Amino acid sequence: MPIFEECRPGDNRPRTAIESLRAWVQGDFSMIACRTAAFAAHAAARDAAQAGALAAVAAARAAGQAAAVAHMSDHSAHSAMYAAKAVGLDGSGEPTRNAERLWQWENLESTLRPIGFPKGL
């Protein structure tokens, strides 16, 4: 979220998508409401694209994808790839795309790695 929010201050749509995802996991939000928040995050990505903020686009897409497909684990890898893309495009000197993917691998429960990394690391 920091990558998106730095480029698009005041636009909370991607953060709201992540919050809705967390609420869905807790059973406090319906998947329909979660997907509505996801669509808003993707709209935020389109708005960021118009401003030429490619790292922000990828960050918003990561949030939107995560919220949209939480009920379909085999689609979860796409969100992680968008997150890594955002890091790679950010260019702030922080971790590279590959370093982000390695961090994701190391921080994902080993039993979930085949889902998050269907082709391996």
PDB file of N, CA and C in Angstrom:
ATOM      1  N   MET A   1       0.792  -1.201   0.000  1.00  0.00           N
ATOM      2  CA  MET A   1       0.000   0.000   0.000  1.00  0.00           C
ATOM      3  C   MET A   1       0.840   1.274   0.000  1.00  0.00           C
ATOM      4  N   PRO A   2       1.997   1.266   0.636  1.00  0.00           N
ATOM      5  CA  PRO A   2       2.781   2.509   0.605  1.00  0.00           C
ATOM      6  C   PRO A   2       3.144   2.968  -0.805  1.00  0.00           C
ATOM      7  N   ILE A   3       3.403   2.038  -1.710  1.00  0.00           N
ATOM      8  CA  ILE A   3       3.744   2.414  -3.083  1.00  0.00           C
ATOM      9  C   ILE A   3       2.571   3.137  -3.719  1.00  0.00           C
ATOM     10  N   PHE A   4       1.367   2.596  -3.560  1.00  0.00           N
ATOM     11  CA  PHE A   4       0.195   3.238  -4.145  1.00  0.00           C
ATOM     12  C   PHE A   4      -0.094   4.562  -3.449  1.00  0.00           C
ATOM     13  N   GLU A   5      -0.110   4.545  -2.131  1.00  0.00           N
ATOM     14  CA  GLU A   5      -0.519   5.732  -1.380  1.00  0.00           C
ATOM     15  C   GLU A   5       0.463   6.888  -1.522  1.00  0.00           C
ATOM     16  N   GLU A   6       1.733   6.589  -1.784  1.00  0.00           N
ATOM     17  CA  GLU A   6       2.691   7.665  -2.028  1.00  0.00           C
ATOM     18  C   GLU A   6       2.385   8.366  -3.347  1.00  0.00           C
ATOM     19  N   CYS A   7       1.985   7.595  -4.344  1.00  0.00           N
ATOM     20  CA  CYS A   7       1.673   8.153  -5.662  1.00  0.00           C
ATOM     21  C   CYS A   7       0.270   8.758  -5.720  1.00  0.00           C
ATOM     22  N   ARG A   8      -0.639   8.198  -4.948  1.00  0.00           N
ATOM     23  CA  ARG A   8      -2.048   8.610  -5.011  1.00  0.00           C
ATOM     24  C   ARG A   8      -2.577   8.896  -3.599  1.00  0.00           C
ATOM     25  N   PRO A   9      -2.013   9.895  -2.919  1.00  0.00           N
ATOM     26  CA  PRO A   9      -2.463  10.177  -1.547  1.00  0.00           C
ATOM     27  C   PRO A   9      -3.959  10.496  -1.512  1.00  0.00           C
ATOM     28  N   GLY A  10      -4.612   9.970  -0.509  1.00  0.00           N
ATOM     29  CA  GLY A  10      -6.039  10.225  -0.338  1.00  0.00           C
ATOM     30  C   GLY A  10      -6.946   9.234  -1.047  1.00  0.00           C
ATOM     31  N   ASP A  11      -6.394   8.394  -1.911  1.00  0.00           N
ATOM     32  CA  ASP A  11      -7.198   7.383  -2.603  1.00  0.00           C
ATOM     33  C   ASP A  11      -7.087   6.086  -1.801  1.00  0.00           C
ATOM     34  N   ASN A  12      -8.132   5.769  -1.086  1.00  0.00           N
ATOM     35  CA  ASN A  12      -8.087   4.611  -0.177  1.00  0.00           C
ATOM     36  C   ASN A  12      -8.724   3.352  -0.766  1.00  0.00           C
ATOM     37  N   ARG A  13      -9.042   3.351  -2.040  1.00  0.00           N
ATOM     38  CA  ARG A  13      -9.734   2.199  -2.619  1.00  0.00           C
ATOM     39  C   ARG A  13      -8.932   0.901  -2.525  1.00  0.00           C
ATOM     40  N   PRO A  14      -7.640   0.869  -2.832  1.00  0.00           N
ATOM     41  CA  PRO A  14      -6.899  -0.394  -2.659  1.00  0.00           C
ATOM     42  C   PRO A  14      -6.831  -0.830  -1.191  1.00  0.00           C
ATOM     43  N   ARG A  15      -6.619   0.098  -0.290  1.00  0.00           N
ATOM     44  CA  ARG A  15      -6.575  -0.244   1.134  1.00  0.00           C
ATOM     45  C   ARG A  15      -7.933  -0.785   1.590  1.00  0.00           C
ATOM     46  N   THR A  16      -9.011  -0.200   1.111  1.00  0.00           N
ATOM     47  CA  THR A  16     -10.346  -0.680   1.451  1.00  0.00           C
ATOM     48  C   THR A  16     -10.551  -2.101   0.942  1.00  0.00           C
ATOM     49  N   ALA A  17      -9.999  -2.409  -0.230  1.00  0.00           N
ATOM     50  CA  ALA A  17     -10.105  -3.779  -0.761  1.00  0.00           C
ATOM     51  C   ALA A  17      -9.417  -4.764   0.172  1.00  0.00           C
ATOM     52  N   ILE A  18      -8.232  -4.412   0.655  1.00  0.00           N
ATOM     53  CA  ILE A  18      -7.515  -5.296   1.580  1.00  0.00           C
ATOM     54  C   ILE A  18      -8.278  -5.425   2.895  1.00  0.00           C
ATOM     55  N   GLU A  19      -8.820  -4.324   3.381  1.00  0.00           N
ATOM     56  CA  GLU A  19      -9.607  -4.380   4.621  1.00  0.00           C
ATOM     57  C   GLU A  19     -10.851  -5.245   4.443  1.00  0.00           C
ATOM     58  N   SER A  20     -11.483  -5.162   3.272  1.00  0.00           N
ATOM     59  CA  SER A  20     -12.668  -5.994   3.027  1.00  0.00           C
ATOM     60  C   SER A  20     -12.276  -7.465   2.956  1.00  0.00           C
ATOM     61  N   LEU A  21     -11.130  -7.749   2.362  1.00  0.00           N
ATOM     62  CA  LEU A  21     -10.629  -9.122   2.311  1.00  0.00           C
ATOM     63  C   LEU A  21     -10.434  -9.666   3.726  1.00  0.00           C
ATOM     64  N   ARG A  22      -9.817  -8.879   4.577  1.00  0.00           N
ATOM     65  CA  ARG A  22      -9.608  -9.315   5.959  1.00  0.00           C
ATOM     66  C   ARG A  22     -10.943  -9.529   6.670  1.00  0.00           C
ATOM     67  N   ALA A  23     -11.905  -8.666   6.403  1.00  0.00           N
ATOM     68  CA  ALA A  23     -13.231  -8.824   7.010  1.00  0.00           C
ATOM     69  C   ALA A  23     -13.910 -10.092   6.490  1.00  0.00           C
ATOM     70  N   TRP A  24     -13.739 -10.407   5.214  1.00  0.00           N
ATOM     71  CA  TRP A  24     -14.314 -11.626   4.647  1.00  0.00           C
ATOM     72  C   TRP A  24     -13.701 -12.856   5.313  1.00  0.00           C
ATOM     73  N   VAL A  25     -12.389 -12.840   5.501  1.00  0.00           N
ATOM     74  CA  VAL A  25     -11.713 -13.968   6.151  1.00  0.00           C
ATOM     75  C   VAL A  25     -12.287 -14.198   7.548  1.00  0.00           C
ATOM     76  N   GLN A  26     -12.622 -13.116   8.236  1.00  0.00           N
ATOM     77  CA  GLN A  26     -13.181 -13.212   9.588  1.00  0.00           C
ATOM     78  C   GLN A  26     -14.680 -13.545   9.583  1.00  0.00           C
ATOM     79  N   GLY A  27     -15.294 -13.579   8.389  1.00  0.00           N
ATOM     80  CA  GLY A  27     -16.716 -13.877   8.295  1.00  0.00           C
ATOM     81  C   GLY A  27     -17.610 -12.663   8.490  1.00  0.00           C
ATOM     82  N   ASP A  28     -17.018 -11.470   8.434  1.00  0.00           N
ATOM     83  CA  ASP A  28     -17.775 -10.241   8.674  1.00  0.00           C
ATOM     84  C   ASP A  28     -18.201  -9.526   7.403  1.00  0.00           C
ATOM     85  N   PHE A  29     -17.831 -10.061   6.247  1.00  0.00           N
ATOM     86  CA  PHE A  29     -18.122  -9.413   4.969  1.00  0.00           C
ATOM     87  C   PHE A  29     -18.515 -10.491   3.988  1.00  0.00           C
ATOM     88  N   SER A  30     -19.455 -10.203   3.108  1.00  0.00           N
ATOM     89  CA  SER A  30     -19.818 -11.167   2.072  1.00  0.00           C
ATOM     90  C   SER A  30     -18.805 -11.090   0.934  1.00  0.00           C
ATOM     91  N   MET A  31     -18.713 -12.146   0.154  1.00  0.00           N
ATOM     92  CA  MET A  31     -17.800 -12.129  -0.990  1.00  0.00           C
ATOM     93  C   MET A  31     -18.275 -11.105  -2.010  1.00  0.00           C
ATOM     94  N   ILE A  32     -19.572 -10.894  -2.124  1.00  0.00           N
ATOM     95  CA  ILE A  32     -20.081  -9.878  -3.057  1.00  0.00           C
ATOM     96  C   ILE A  32     -19.565  -8.498  -2.652  1.00  0.00           C
ATOM     97  N   ALA A  33     -19.620  -8.186  -1.364  1.00  0.00           N
ATOM     98  CA  ALA A  33     -19.116  -6.894  -0.892  1.00  0.00           C
ATOM     99  C   ALA A  33     -17.603  -6.808  -1.071  1.00  0.00           C
ATOM    100  N   CYS A  34     -16.932  -7.903  -0.855  1.00  0.00           N
ATOM    101  CA  CYS A  34     -15.475  -7.951  -1.034  1.00  0.00           C
ATOM    102  C   CYS A  34     -15.124  -7.704  -2.498  1.00  0.00           C
ATOM    103  N   ARG A  35     -15.842  -8.305  -3.396  1.00  0.00           N
ATOM    104  CA  ARG A  35     -15.574  -8.124  -4.824  1.00  0.00           C
ATOM    105  C   ARG A  35     -15.901  -6.699  -5.271  1.00  0.00           C
ATOM    106  N   THR A  36     -16.916  -6.095  -4.674  1.00  0.00           N
ATOM    107  CA  THR A  36     -17.231  -4.700  -4.986  1.00  0.00           C
ATOM    108  C   THR A  36     -16.045  -3.807  -4.630  1.00  0.00           C
ATOM    109  N   ALA A  37     -15.448  -4.051  -3.471  1.00  0.00           N
ATOM    110  CA  ALA A  37     -14.261  -3.299  -3.064  1.00  0.00           C
ATOM    111  C   ALA A  37     -13.097  -3.592  -4.005  1.00  0.00           C
ATOM    112  N   ALA A  38     -13.012  -4.820  -4.477  1.00  0.00           N
ATOM    113  CA  ALA A  38     -11.954  -5.185  -5.425  1.00  0.00           C
ATOM    114  C   ALA A  38     -12.106  -4.417  -6.728  1.00  0.00           C
ATOM    115  N   PHE A  39     -13.333  -4.314  -7.227  1.00  0.00           N
ATOM    116  CA  PHE A  39     -13.565  -3.563  -8.466  1.00  0.00           C
ATOM    117  C   PHE A  39     -13.155  -2.103  -8.292  1.00  0.00           C
ATOM    118  N   ALA A  40     -13.405  -1.548  -7.112  1.00  0.00           N
ATOM    119  CA  ALA A  40     -12.997  -0.165  -6.835  1.00  0.00           C
ATOM    120  C   ALA A  40     -11.475  -0.035  -6.843  1.00  0.00           C
ATOM    121  N   ALA A  41     -10.780  -1.045  -6.317  1.00  0.00           N
ATOM    122  CA  ALA A  41      -9.311  -1.015  -6.345  1.00  0.00           C
ATOM    123  C   ALA A  41      -8.801  -1.061  -7.783  1.00  0.00           C
ATOM    124  N   HIS A  42      -9.445  -1.847  -8.627  1.00  0.00           N
ATOM    125  CA  HIS A  42      -9.042  -1.896 -10.035  1.00  0.00           C
ATOM    126  C   HIS A  42      -9.336  -0.569 -10.736  1.00  0.00           C
ATOM    127  N   ALA A  43     -10.406   0.106 -10.337  1.00  0.00           N
ATOM    128  CA  ALA A  43     -10.675   1.448 -10.879  1.00  0.00           C
ATOM    129  C   ALA A  43      -9.579   2.415 -10.445  1.00  0.00           C
ATOM    130  N   ALA A  44      -9.110   2.267  -9.220  1.00  0.00           N
ATOM    131  CA  ALA A  44      -8.001   3.102  -8.740  1.00  0.00           C
ATOM    132  C   ALA A  44      -6.749   2.831  -9.570  1.00  0.00           C
ATOM    133  N   ALA A  45      -6.547   1.588  -9.960  1.00  0.00           N
ATOM    134  CA  ALA A  45      -5.408   1.250 -10.816  1.00  0.00           C
ATOM    135  C   ALA A  45      -5.521   1.945 -12.168  1.00  0.00           C
ATOM    136  N   ARG A  46      -6.725   1.956 -12.719  1.00  0.00           N
ATOM    137  CA  ARG A  46      -6.915   2.645 -14.001  1.00  0.00           C
ATOM    138  C   ARG A  46      -6.639   4.142 -13.862  1.00  0.00           C
ATOM    139  N   ASP A  47      -7.074   4.730 -12.756  1.00  0.00           N
ATOM    140  CA  ASP A  47      -6.815   6.149 -12.524  1.00  0.00           C
ATOM    141  C   ASP A  47      -5.319   6.413 -12.388  1.00  0.00           C
ATOM    142  N   ALA A  48      -4.616   5.530 -11.704  1.00  0.00           N
ATOM    143  CA  ALA A  48      -3.162   5.676 -11.556  1.00  0.00           C
ATOM    144  C   ALA A  48      -2.469   5.532 -12.913  1.00  0.00           C
ATOM    145  N   ALA A  49      -3.002   4.671 -13.769  1.00  0.00           N
ATOM    146  CA  ALA A  49      -2.419   4.484 -15.101  1.00  0.00           C
ATOM    147  C   ALA A  49      -2.519   5.769 -15.912  1.00  0.00           C
ATOM    148  N   GLN A  50      -3.630   6.460 -15.786  1.00  0.00           N
ATOM    149  CA  GLN A  50      -3.797   7.727 -16.498  1.00  0.00           C
ATOM    150  C   GLN A  50      -2.783   8.763 -16.039  1.00  0.00           C
ATOM    151  N   ALA A  51      -2.334   8.642 -14.794  1.00  0.00           N
ATOM    152  CA  ALA A  51      -1.331   9.558 -14.258  1.00  0.00           C
ATOM    153  C   ALA A  51       0.088   9.066 -14.555  1.00  0.00           C
ATOM    154  N   GLY A  52       0.215   7.895 -15.184  1.00  0.00           N
ATOM    155  CA  GLY A  52       1.514   7.353 -15.530  1.00  0.00           C
ATOM    156  C   GLY A  52       2.272   6.738 -14.363  1.00  0.00           C
ATOM    157  N   ALA A  53       1.578   6.405 -13.297  1.00  0.00           N
ATOM    158  CA  ALA A  53       2.207   5.850 -12.092  1.00  0.00           C
ATOM    159  C   ALA A  53       2.151   4.326 -12.139  1.00  0.00           C
ATOM    160  N   LEU A  54       3.073   3.718 -12.873  1.00  0.00           N
ATOM    161  CA  LEU A  54       3.016   2.279 -13.132  1.00  0.00           C
ATOM    162  C   LEU A  54       3.177   1.430 -11.872  1.00  0.00           C
ATOM    163  N   ALA A  55       4.023   1.831 -10.956  1.00  0.00           N
ATOM    164  CA  ALA A  55       4.173   1.073  -9.709  1.00  0.00           C
ATOM    165  C   ALA A  55       2.878   1.129  -8.907  1.00  0.00           C
ATOM    166  N   ALA A  56       2.224   2.281  -8.895  1.00  0.00           N
ATOM    167  CA  ALA A  56       0.953   2.421  -8.185  1.00  0.00           C
ATOM    168  C   ALA A  56      -0.126   1.567  -8.838  1.00  0.00           C
ATOM    169  N   VAL A  57      -0.104   1.471 -10.154  1.00  0.00           N
ATOM    170  CA  VAL A  57      -1.057   0.619 -10.871  1.00  0.00           C
ATOM    171  C   VAL A  57      -0.905  -0.822 -10.392  1.00  0.00           C
ATOM    172  N   ALA A  58       0.322  -1.320 -10.372  1.00  0.00           N
ATOM    173  CA  ALA A  58       0.564  -2.705  -9.962  1.00  0.00           C
ATOM    174  C   ALA A  58       0.166  -2.926  -8.507  1.00  0.00           C
ATOM    175  N   ALA A  59       0.431  -1.962  -7.650  1.00  0.00           N
ATOM    176  CA  ALA A  59       0.060  -2.102  -6.236  1.00  0.00           C
ATOM    177  C   ALA A  59      -1.461  -2.161  -6.076  1.00  0.00           C
ATOM    178  N   ALA A  60      -2.170  -1.310  -6.792  1.00  0.00           N
ATOM    179  CA  ALA A  60      -3.638  -1.329  -6.719  1.00  0.00           C
ATOM    180  C   ALA A  60      -4.186  -2.627  -7.302  1.00  0.00           C
ATOM    181  N   ARG A  61      -3.579  -3.110  -8.371  1.00  0.00           N
ATOM    182  CA  ARG A  61      -4.011  -4.387  -8.957  1.00  0.00           C
ATOM    183  C   ARG A  61      -3.785  -5.540  -7.983  1.00  0.00           C
ATOM    184  N   ALA A  62      -2.679  -5.502  -7.245  1.00  0.00           N
ATOM    185  CA  ALA A  62      -2.419  -6.545  -6.249  1.00  0.00           C
ATOM    186  C   ALA A  62      -3.532  -6.573  -5.213  1.00  0.00           C
ATOM    187  N   ALA A  63      -3.926  -5.415  -4.725  1.00  0.00           N
ATOM    188  CA  ALA A  63      -4.995  -5.344  -3.725  1.00  0.00           C
ATOM    189  C   ALA A  63      -6.324  -5.796  -4.315  1.00  0.00           C
ATOM    190  N   GLY A  64      -6.626  -5.323  -5.503  1.00  0.00           N
ATOM    191  CA  GLY A  64      -7.884  -5.694  -6.140  1.00  0.00           C
ATOM    192  C   GLY A  64      -7.958  -7.177  -6.443  1.00  0.00           C
ATOM    193  N   GLN A  65      -6.872  -7.725  -6.950  1.00  0.00           N
ATOM    194  CA  GLN A  65      -6.845  -9.159  -7.262  1.00  0.00           C
ATOM    195  C   GLN A  65      -7.002  -9.992  -5.995  1.00  0.00           C
ATOM    196  N   ALA A  66      -6.308  -9.599  -4.941  1.00  0.00           N
ATOM    197  CA  ALA A  66      -6.393 -10.355  -3.684  1.00  0.00           C
ATOM    198  C   ALA A  66      -7.828 -10.390  -3.169  1.00  0.00           C
ATOM    199  N   ALA A  67      -8.497  -9.255  -3.204  1.00  0.00           N
ATOM    200  CA  ALA A  67      -9.868  -9.195  -2.700  1.00  0.00           C
ATOM    201  C   ALA A  67     -10.854  -9.900  -3.631  1.00  0.00           C
ATOM    202  N   ALA A  68     -10.606  -9.834  -4.916  1.00  0.00           N
ATOM    203  CA  ALA A  68     -11.546 -10.411  -5.887  1.00  0.00           C
ATOM    204  C   ALA A  68     -11.547 -11.923  -5.900  1.00  0.00           C
ATOM    205  N   VAL A  69     -10.407 -12.532  -5.635  1.00  0.00           N
ATOM    206  CA  VAL A  69     -10.302 -13.976  -5.812  1.00  0.00           C
ATOM    207  C   VAL A  69      -9.996 -14.726  -4.518  1.00  0.00           C
ATOM    208  N   ALA A  70     -10.248 -14.117  -3.395  1.00  0.00           N
ATOM    209  CA  ALA A  70      -9.931 -14.756  -2.112  1.00  0.00           C
ATOM    210  C   ALA A  70     -10.615 -16.113  -1.969  1.00  0.00           C
ATOM    211  N   HIS A  71     -11.757 -16.261  -2.569  1.00  0.00           N
ATOM    212  CA  HIS A  71     -12.508 -17.513  -2.475  1.00  0.00           C
ATOM    213  C   HIS A  71     -12.017 -18.565  -3.476  1.00  0.00           C
ATOM    214  N   MET A  72     -11.018 -18.221  -4.282  1.00  0.00           N
ATOM    215  CA  MET A  72     -10.493 -19.125  -5.303  1.00  0.00           C
ATOM    216  C   MET A  72      -8.974 -19.168  -5.165  1.00  0.00           C
ATOM    217  N   SER A  73      -8.486 -20.049  -4.332  1.00  0.00           N
ATOM    218  CA  SER A  73      -7.066 -20.053  -3.996  1.00  0.00           C
ATOM    219  C   SER A  73      -6.145 -20.212  -5.205  1.00  0.00           C
ATOM    220  N   ASP A  74      -6.601 -20.903  -6.241  1.00  0.00           N
ATOM    221  CA  ASP A  74      -5.716 -21.114  -7.386  1.00  0.00           C
ATOM    222  C   ASP A  74      -5.463 -19.835  -8.180  1.00  0.00           C
ATOM    223  N   HIS A  75      -6.155 -18.750  -7.859  1.00  0.00           N
ATOM    224  CA  HIS A  75      -5.924 -17.463  -8.512  1.00  0.00           C
ATOM    225  C   HIS A  75      -5.071 -16.532  -7.655  1.00  0.00           C
ATOM    226  N   SER A  76      -4.691 -16.971  -6.471  1.00  0.00           N
ATOM    227  CA  SER A  76      -3.989 -16.094  -5.535  1.00  0.00           C
ATOM    228  C   SER A  76      -2.594 -15.695  -6.006  1.00  0.00           C
ATOM    229  N   ALA A  77      -1.974 -16.506  -6.817  1.00  0.00           N
ATOM    230  CA  ALA A  77      -0.613 -16.194  -7.271  1.00  0.00           C
ATOM    231  C   ALA A  77      -0.551 -14.887  -8.051  1.00  0.00           C
ATOM    232  N   HIS A  78      -1.626 -14.526  -8.719  1.00  0.00           N
ATOM    233  CA  HIS A  78      -1.637 -13.297  -9.512  1.00  0.00           C
ATOM    234  C   HIS A  78      -1.455 -12.065  -8.634  1.00  0.00           C
ATOM    235  N   SER A  79      -2.071 -12.074  -7.478  1.00  0.00           N
ATOM    236  CA  SER A  79      -1.930 -10.941  -6.570  1.00  0.00           C
ATOM    237  C   SER A  79      -0.484 -10.785  -6.117  1.00  0.00           C
ATOM    238  N   ALA A  80       0.156 -11.889  -5.794  1.00  0.00           N
ATOM    239  CA  ALA A  80       1.555 -11.846  -5.363  1.00  0.00           C
ATOM    240  C   ALA A  80       2.460 -11.341  -6.492  1.00  0.00           C
ATOM    241  N   MET A  81       2.149 -11.712  -7.716  1.00  0.00           N
ATOM    242  CA  MET A  81       2.948 -11.239  -8.848  1.00  0.00           C
ATOM    243  C   MET A  81       2.774  -9.734  -9.050  1.00  0.00           C
ATOM    244  N   TYR A  82       1.539  -9.235  -8.906  1.00  0.00           N
ATOM    245  CA  TYR A  82       1.319  -7.788  -9.002  1.00  0.00           C
ATOM    246  C   TYR A  82       2.091  -7.053  -7.902  1.00  0.00           C
ATOM    247  N   ALA A  83       2.105  -7.607  -6.708  1.00  0.00           N
ATOM    248  CA  ALA A  83       2.834  -6.975  -5.603  1.00  0.00           C
ATOM    249  C   ALA A  83       4.327  -6.909  -5.926  1.00  0.00           C
ATOM    250  N   ALA A  84       4.871  -7.993  -6.445  1.00  0.00           N
ATOM    251  CA  ALA A  84       6.289  -8.005  -6.818  1.00  0.00           C
ATOM    252  C   ALA A  84       6.560  -7.026  -7.959  1.00  0.00           C
ATOM    253  N   LYS A  85       5.632  -6.939  -8.885  1.00  0.00           N
ATOM    254  CA  LYS A  85       5.783  -5.992  -9.998  1.00  0.00           C
ATOM    255  C   LYS A  85       5.802  -4.563  -9.473  1.00  0.00           C
ATOM    256  N   ALA A  86       4.925  -4.267  -8.523  1.00  0.00           N
ATOM    257  CA  ALA A  86       4.896  -2.924  -7.930  1.00  0.00           C
ATOM    258  C   ALA A  86       6.236  -2.578  -7.300  1.00  0.00           C
ATOM    259  N   VAL A  87       6.800  -3.532  -6.565  1.00  0.00           N
ATOM    260  CA  VAL A  87       8.105  -3.315  -5.934  1.00  0.00           C
ATOM    261  C   VAL A  87       9.174  -3.098  -7.005  1.00  0.00           C
ATOM    262  N   GLY A  88       9.147  -3.894  -8.046  1.00  0.00           N
ATOM    263  CA  GLY A  88      10.135  -3.756  -9.112  1.00  0.00           C
ATOM    264  C   GLY A  88      10.038  -2.441  -9.855  1.00  0.00           C
ATOM    265  N   LEU A  89       8.829  -1.952 -10.059  1.00  0.00           N
ATOM    266  CA  LEU A  89       8.633  -0.694 -10.779  1.00  0.00           C
ATOM    267  C   LEU A  89       8.853   0.535  -9.906  1.00  0.00           C
ATOM    268  N   ASP A  90       8.794   0.337  -8.592  1.00  0.00           N
ATOM    269  CA  ASP A  90       8.894   1.472  -7.674  1.00  0.00           C
ATOM    270  C   ASP A  90      10.220   2.203  -7.836  1.00  0.00           C
ATOM    271  N   GLY A  91      11.302   1.469  -7.963  1.00  0.00           N
ATOM    272  CA  GLY A  91      12.600   2.087  -8.205  1.00  0.00           C
ATOM    273  C   GLY A  91      13.123   2.929  -7.066  1.00  0.00           C
ATOM    274  N   SER A  92      12.647   2.707  -5.861  1.00  0.00           N
ATOM    275  CA  SER A  92      13.086   3.525  -4.728  1.00  0.00           C
ATOM    276  C   SER A  92      14.385   3.006  -4.117  1.00  0.00           C
ATOM    277  N   GLY A  93      14.967   1.984  -4.728  1.00  0.00           N
ATOM    278  CA  GLY A  93      16.186   1.417  -4.176  1.00  0.00           C
ATOM    279  C   GLY A  93      15.903   0.338  -3.150  1.00  0.00           C
ATOM    280  N   GLU A  94      14.644   0.116  -2.865  1.00  0.00           N
ATOM    281  CA  GLU A  94      14.251  -0.934  -1.941  1.00  0.00           C
ATOM    282  C   GLU A  94      14.331  -2.273  -2.664  1.00  0.00           C
ATOM    283  N   PRO A  95      13.782  -3.336  -2.097  1.00  0.00           N
ATOM    284  CA  PRO A  95      13.922  -4.663  -2.722  1.00  0.00           C
ATOM    285  C   PRO A  95      13.486  -4.684  -4.185  1.00  0.00           C
ATOM    286  N   THR A  96      14.160  -5.512  -4.936  1.00  0.00           N
ATOM    287  CA  THR A  96      13.799  -5.715  -6.330  1.00  0.00           C
ATOM    288  C   THR A  96      12.622  -6.679  -6.414  1.00  0.00           C
ATOM    289  N   ARG A  97      12.120  -6.845  -7.615  1.00  0.00           N
ATOM    290  CA  ARG A  97      11.019  -7.786  -7.836  1.00  0.00           C
ATOM    291  C   ARG A  97      11.400  -9.191  -7.369  1.00  0.00           C
ATOM    292  N   ASN A  98      12.600  -9.627  -7.725  1.00  0.00           N
ATOM    293  CA  ASN A  98      13.032 -10.968  -7.322  1.00  0.00           C
ATOM    294  C   ASN A  98      13.195 -11.071  -5.812  1.00  0.00           C
ATOM    295  N   ALA A  99      13.710 -10.031  -5.195  1.00  0.00           N
ATOM    296  CA  ALA A  99      13.855 -10.043  -3.741  1.00  0.00           C
ATOM    297  C   ALA A  99      12.480 -10.087  -3.067  1.00  0.00           C
ATOM    298  N   GLU A 100      11.498  -9.402  -3.647  1.00  0.00           N
ATOM    299  CA  GLU A 100      10.135  -9.443  -3.105  1.00  0.00           C
ATOM    300  C   GLU A 100       9.555 -10.843  -3.227  1.00  0.00           C
ATOM    301  N   ARG A 101       9.755 -11.490  -4.359  1.00  0.00           N
ATOM    302  CA  ARG A 101       9.249 -12.858  -4.540  1.00  0.00           C
ATOM    303  C   ARG A 101       9.910 -13.811  -3.547  1.00  0.00           C
ATOM    304  N   LEU A 102      11.193 -13.647  -3.314  1.00  0.00           N
ATOM    305  CA  LEU A 102      11.882 -14.482  -2.337  1.00  0.00           C
ATOM    306  C   LEU A 102      11.316 -14.239  -0.943  1.00  0.00           C
ATOM    307  N   TRP A 103      11.060 -12.980  -0.608  1.00  0.00           N
ATOM    308  CA  TRP A 103      10.460 -12.653   0.692  1.00  0.00           C
ATOM    309  C   TRP A 103       9.091 -13.323   0.814  1.00  0.00           C
ATOM    310  N   GLN A 104       8.279 -13.250  -0.243  1.00  0.00           N
ATOM    311  CA  GLN A 104       6.961 -13.889  -0.227  1.00  0.00           C
ATOM    312  C   GLN A 104       7.110 -15.387   0.020  1.00  0.00           C
ATOM    313  N   TRP A 105       8.025 -16.027  -0.687  1.00  0.00           N
ATOM    314  CA  TRP A 105       8.258 -17.464  -0.553  1.00  0.00           C
ATOM    315  C   TRP A 105       8.619 -17.805   0.883  1.00  0.00           C
ATOM    316  N   GLU A 106       9.556 -17.078   1.437  1.00  0.00           N
ATOM    317  CA  GLU A 106      10.048 -17.364   2.783  1.00  0.00           C
ATOM    318  C   GLU A 106       9.000 -17.097   3.867  1.00  0.00           C
ATOM    319  N   ASN A 107       8.043 -16.208   3.584  1.00  0.00           N
ATOM    320  CA  ASN A 107       7.041 -15.855   4.580  1.00  0.00           C
ATOM    321  C   ASN A 107       5.704 -16.553   4.380  1.00  0.00           C
ATOM    322  N   LEU A 108       5.606 -17.365   3.362  1.00  0.00           N
ATOM    323  CA  LEU A 108       4.385 -18.121   3.105  1.00  0.00           C
ATOM    324  C   LEU A 108       4.516 -19.496   3.743  1.00  0.00           C
ATOM    325  N   GLU A 109       3.475 -19.905   4.423  1.00  0.00           N
ATOM    326  CA  GLU A 109       3.483 -21.235   5.029  1.00  0.00           C
ATOM    327  C   GLU A 109       3.826 -22.267   3.963  1.00  0.00           C
ATOM    328  N   SER A 110       4.702 -23.180   4.287  1.00  0.00           N
ATOM    329  CA  SER A 110       5.210 -24.124   3.283  1.00  0.00           C
ATOM    330  C   SER A 110       4.095 -24.929   2.616  1.00  0.00           C
ATOM    331  N   THR A 111       3.033 -25.229   3.325  1.00  0.00           N
ATOM    332  CA  THR A 111       1.938 -25.995   2.718  1.00  0.00           C
ATOM    333  C   THR A 111       1.164 -25.169   1.684  1.00  0.00           C
ATOM    334  N   LEU A 112       1.306 -23.829   1.733  1.00  0.00           N
ATOM    335  CA  LEU A 112       0.607 -22.958   0.783  1.00  0.00           C
ATOM    336  C   LEU A 112       1.473 -22.569  -0.414  1.00  0.00           C
ATOM    337  N   ARG A 113       2.745 -22.901  -0.362  1.00  0.00           N
ATOM    338  CA  ARG A 113       3.640 -22.511  -1.455  1.00  0.00           C
ATOM    339  C   ARG A 113       3.208 -23.050  -2.815  1.00  0.00           C
ATOM    340  N   PRO A 114       2.704 -24.276  -2.923  1.00  0.00           N
ATOM    341  CA  PRO A 114       2.251 -24.744  -4.240  1.00  0.00           C
ATOM    342  C   PRO A 114       1.097 -23.912  -4.800  1.00  0.00           C
ATOM    343  N   ILE A 115       0.330 -23.260  -3.931  1.00  0.00           N
ATOM    344  CA  ILE A 115      -0.779 -22.416  -4.400  1.00  0.00           C
ATOM    345  C   ILE A 115      -0.246 -21.045  -4.798  1.00  0.00           C
ATOM    346  N   GLY A 116       0.564 -20.454  -3.933  1.00  0.00           N
ATOM    347  CA  GLY A 116       1.100 -19.123  -4.202  1.00  0.00           C
ATOM    348  C   GLY A 116       2.171 -19.099  -5.274  1.00  0.00           C
ATOM    349  N   PHE A 117       2.832 -20.226  -5.458  1.00  0.00           N
ATOM    350  CA  PHE A 117       3.907 -20.344  -6.446  1.00  0.00           C
ATOM    351  C   PHE A 117       3.702 -21.619  -7.250  1.00  0.00           C
ATOM    352  N   PRO A 118       2.672 -21.668  -8.088  1.00  0.00           N
ATOM    353  CA  PRO A 118       2.356 -22.909  -8.803  1.00  0.00           C
ATOM    354  C   PRO A 118       3.484 -23.431  -9.683  1.00  0.00           C
ATOM    355  N   LYS A 119       4.388 -22.556 -10.103  1.00  0.00           N
ATOM    356  CA  LYS A 119       5.515 -22.989 -10.933  1.00  0.00           C
ATOM    357  C   LYS A 119       6.811 -23.020 -10.142  1.00  0.00           C
ATOM    358  N   GLY A 120       6.700 -22.873  -8.820  1.00  0.00           N
ATOM    359  CA  GLY A 120       7.887 -22.855  -7.972  1.00  0.00           C
ATOM    360  C   GLY A 120       8.472 -21.468  -7.893  1.00  0.00           C
ATOM    361  N   LEU A 121       9.525 -21.356  -7.141  1.00  0.00           N
ATOM    362  CA  LEU A 121      10.179 -20.051  -6.973  1.00  0.00           C
ATOM    363  C   LEU A 121      11.014 -19.795  -8.189  1.00  0.00           C
TER     364      LEU A 121
END
